[in-house]
Amino acid sequence: MFNYFILKNKYIKAKNHFEMNEITHKNKIKKINFLFTV
């Protein structure tokens, strides 16, 4: 049972980290597109 909580925590952290990377990646693309359109 204890291991389950550790795994769940690791999964949530990994998921949040991945989502943060996705957001920053999309923002980079938007910035690049903005630079090309201007």
PDB file of N, CA and C in Angstrom:
ATOM      1  N   MET A   1       0.835  -1.198   0.000  1.00  0.00           N
ATOM      2  CA  MET A   1       0.000   0.000   0.000  1.00  0.00           C
ATOM      3  C   MET A   1       0.879   1.260   0.000  1.00  0.00           C
ATOM      4  N   PHE A   2       1.920   1.220   0.819  1.00  0.00           N
ATOM      5  CA  PHE A   2       2.840   2.358   0.901  1.00  0.00           C
ATOM      6  C   PHE A   2       3.512   2.615  -0.453  1.00  0.00           C
ATOM      7  N   ASN A   3       3.928   1.530  -1.108  1.00  0.00           N
ATOM      8  CA  ASN A   3       4.568   1.656  -2.425  1.00  0.00           C
ATOM      9  C   ASN A   3       3.635   2.292  -3.447  1.00  0.00           C
ATOM     10  N   TYR A   4       2.348   1.990  -3.317  1.00  0.00           N
ATOM     11  CA  TYR A   4       1.366   2.551  -4.239  1.00  0.00           C
ATOM     12  C   TYR A   4       1.356   4.077  -4.158  1.00  0.00           C
ATOM     13  N   PHE A   5       1.420   4.599  -2.929  1.00  0.00           N
ATOM     14  CA  PHE A   5       1.409   6.059  -2.769  1.00  0.00           C
ATOM     15  C   PHE A   5       2.680   6.694  -3.332  1.00  0.00           C
ATOM     16  N   ILE A   6       3.811   6.025  -3.135  1.00  0.00           N
ATOM     17  CA  ILE A   6       5.073   6.534  -3.688  1.00  0.00           C
ATOM     18  C   ILE A   6       4.994   6.572  -5.211  1.00  0.00           C
ATOM     19  N   LEU A   7       4.505   5.496  -5.798  1.00  0.00           N
ATOM     20  CA  LEU A   7       4.377   5.440  -7.259  1.00  0.00           C
ATOM     21  C   LEU A   7       3.408   6.500  -7.762  1.00  0.00           C
ATOM     22  N   LYS A   8       2.301   6.680  -7.043  1.00  0.00           N
ATOM     23  CA  LYS A   8       1.307   7.669  -7.445  1.00  0.00           C
ATOM     24  C   LYS A   8       1.911   9.068  -7.411  1.00  0.00           C
ATOM     25  N   ASN A   9       2.681   9.353  -6.354  1.00  0.00           N
ATOM     26  CA  ASN A   9       3.355  10.652  -6.239  1.00  0.00           C
ATOM     27  C   ASN A   9       4.325  10.875  -7.391  1.00  0.00           C
ATOM     28  N   LYS A  10       5.121   9.855  -7.687  1.00  0.00           N
ATOM     29  CA  LYS A  10       6.091   9.954  -8.783  1.00  0.00           C
ATOM     30  C   LYS A  10       5.369  10.175 -10.105  1.00  0.00           C
ATOM     31  N   TYR A  11       4.264   9.483 -10.302  1.00  0.00           N
ATOM     32  CA  TYR A  11       3.490   9.623 -11.537  1.00  0.00           C
ATOM     33  C   TYR A  11       2.944  11.039 -11.674  1.00  0.00           C
ATOM     34  N   ILE A  12       2.383  11.566 -10.567  1.00  0.00           N
ATOM     35  CA  ILE A  12       1.825  12.922 -10.599  1.00  0.00           C
ATOM     36  C   ILE A  12       2.925  13.949 -10.894  1.00  0.00           C
ATOM     37  N   LYS A  13       4.084  13.788 -10.237  1.00  0.00           N
ATOM     38  CA  LYS A  13       5.202  14.706 -10.473  1.00  0.00           C
ATOM     39  C   LYS A  13       5.660  14.645 -11.920  1.00  0.00           C
ATOM     40  N   ALA A  14       5.785  13.438 -12.445  1.00  0.00           N
ATOM     41  CA  ALA A  14       6.219  13.262 -13.833  1.00  0.00           C
ATOM     42  C   ALA A  14       5.208  13.872 -14.796  1.00  0.00           C
ATOM     43  N   LYS A  15       3.921  13.662 -14.495  1.00  0.00           N
ATOM     44  CA  LYS A  15       2.853  14.191 -15.334  1.00  0.00           C
ATOM     45  C   LYS A  15       2.880  15.721 -15.331  1.00  0.00           C
ATOM     46  N   ASN A  16       3.022  16.305 -14.150  1.00  0.00           N
ATOM     47  CA  ASN A  16       3.085  17.767 -14.035  1.00  0.00           C
ATOM     48  C   ASN A  16       4.298  18.314 -14.770  1.00  0.00           C
ATOM     49  N   HIS A  17       5.420  17.635 -14.637  1.00  0.00           N
ATOM     50  CA  HIS A  17       6.652  18.047 -15.302  1.00  0.00           C
ATOM     51  C   HIS A  17       6.460  18.012 -16.818  1.00  0.00           C
ATOM     52  N   PHE A  18       5.838  16.948 -17.303  1.00  0.00           N
ATOM     53  CA  PHE A  18       5.590  16.805 -18.734  1.00  0.00           C
ATOM     54  C   PHE A  18       4.670  17.920 -19.234  1.00  0.00           C
ATOM     55  N   GLU A  19       3.608  18.201 -18.457  1.00  0.00           N
ATOM     56  CA  GLU A  19       2.670  19.253 -18.851  1.00  0.00           C
ATOM     57  C   GLU A  19       3.354  20.614 -18.876  1.00  0.00           C
ATOM     58  N   MET A  20       4.223  20.877 -17.910  1.00  0.00           N
ATOM     59  CA  MET A  20       4.975  22.134 -17.886  1.00  0.00           C
ATOM     60  C   MET A  20       5.846  22.240 -19.131  1.00  0.00           C
ATOM     61  N   ASN A  21       6.517  21.149 -19.492  1.00  0.00           N
ATOM     62  CA  ASN A  21       7.357  21.143 -20.695  1.00  0.00           C
ATOM     63  C   ASN A  21       6.525  21.391 -21.942  1.00  0.00           C
ATOM     64  N   GLU A  22       5.342  20.791 -21.998  1.00  0.00           N
ATOM     65  CA  GLU A  22       4.448  20.995 -23.135  1.00  0.00           C
ATOM     66  C   GLU A  22       4.069  22.465 -23.257  1.00  0.00           C
ATOM     67  N   ILE A  23       3.741  23.086 -22.122  1.00  0.00           N
ATOM     68  CA  ILE A  23       3.334  24.497 -22.121  1.00  0.00           C
ATOM     69  C   ILE A  23       4.487  25.384 -22.597  1.00  0.00           C
ATOM     70  N   THR A  24       5.685  25.169 -22.058  1.00  0.00           N
ATOM     71  CA  THR A  24       6.822  26.002 -22.459  1.00  0.00           C
ATOM     72  C   THR A  24       7.162  25.770 -23.927  1.00  0.00           C
ATOM     73  N   HIS A  25       7.025  24.530 -24.387  1.00  0.00           N
ATOM     74  CA  HIS A  25       7.304  24.202 -25.781  1.00  0.00           C
ATOM     75  C   HIS A  25       6.334  24.942 -26.700  1.00  0.00           C
ATOM     76  N   LYS A  26       5.051  24.944 -26.345  1.00  0.00           N
ATOM     77  CA  LYS A  26       4.045  25.651 -27.145  1.00  0.00           C
ATOM     78  C   LYS A  26       4.315  27.152 -27.154  1.00  0.00           C
ATOM     79  N   ASN A  27       4.734  27.698 -26.008  1.00  0.00           N
ATOM     80  CA  ASN A  27       5.045  29.122 -25.935  1.00  0.00           C
ATOM     81  C   ASN A  27       6.232  29.473 -26.821  1.00  0.00           C
ATOM     82  N   LYS A  28       7.232  28.584 -26.861  1.00  0.00           N
ATOM     83  CA  LYS A  28       8.393  28.804 -27.736  1.00  0.00           C
ATOM     84  C   LYS A  28       7.959  28.842 -29.190  1.00  0.00           C
ATOM     85  N   ILE A  29       7.080  27.919 -29.564  1.00  0.00           N
ATOM     86  CA  ILE A  29       6.593  27.865 -30.942  1.00  0.00           C
ATOM     87  C   ILE A  29       5.832  29.154 -31.271  1.00  0.00           C
ATOM     88  N   LYS A  30       4.993  29.603 -30.330  1.00  0.00           N
ATOM     89  CA  LYS A  30       4.241  30.850 -30.538  1.00  0.00           C
ATOM     90  C   LYS A  30       5.189  32.025 -30.730  1.00  0.00           C
ATOM     91  N   LYS A  31       6.236  32.088 -29.912  1.00  0.00           N
ATOM     92  CA  LYS A  31       7.215  33.181 -30.025  1.00  0.00           C
ATOM     93  C   LYS A  31       7.907  33.144 -31.374  1.00  0.00           C
ATOM     94  N   ILE A  32       8.284  31.958 -31.815  1.00  0.00           N
ATOM     95  CA  ILE A  32       8.969  31.809 -33.103  1.00  0.00           C
ATOM     96  C   ILE A  32       8.029  32.227 -34.235  1.00  0.00           C
ATOM     97  N   ASN A  33       6.786  31.760 -34.186  1.00  0.00           N
ATOM     98  CA  ASN A  33       5.804  32.133 -35.204  1.00  0.00           C
ATOM     99  C   ASN A  33       5.587  33.635 -35.213  1.00  0.00           C
ATOM    100  N   PHE A  34       5.539  34.235 -34.041  1.00  0.00           N
ATOM    101  CA  PHE A  34       5.356  35.680 -33.917  1.00  0.00           C
ATOM    102  C   PHE A  34       6.520  36.410 -34.581  1.00  0.00           C
ATOM    103  N   LEU A  35       7.737  35.922 -34.338  1.00  0.00           N
ATOM    104  CA  LEU A  35       8.917  36.550 -34.932  1.00  0.00           C
ATOM    105  C   LEU A  35       8.873  36.469 -36.452  1.00  0.00           C
ATOM    106  N   PHE A  36       8.404  35.346 -36.974  1.00  0.00           N
ATOM    107  CA  PHE A  36       8.353  35.192 -38.431  1.00  0.00           C
ATOM    108  C   PHE A  36       7.242  36.027 -39.062  1.00  0.00           C
ATOM    109  N   THR A  37       6.137  36.201 -38.331  1.00  0.00           N
ATOM    110  CA  THR A  37       5.024  36.949 -38.926  1.00  0.00           C
ATOM    111  C   THR A  37       5.263  38.448 -38.887  1.00  0.00           C
ATOM    112  N   VAL A  38       6.065  38.915 -37.936  1.00  0.00           N
ATOM    113  CA  VAL A  38       6.318  40.370 -37.812  1.00  0.00           C
ATOM    114  C   VAL A  38       7.353  40.825 -38.832  1.00  0.00           C
TER     115      VAL A  38
END
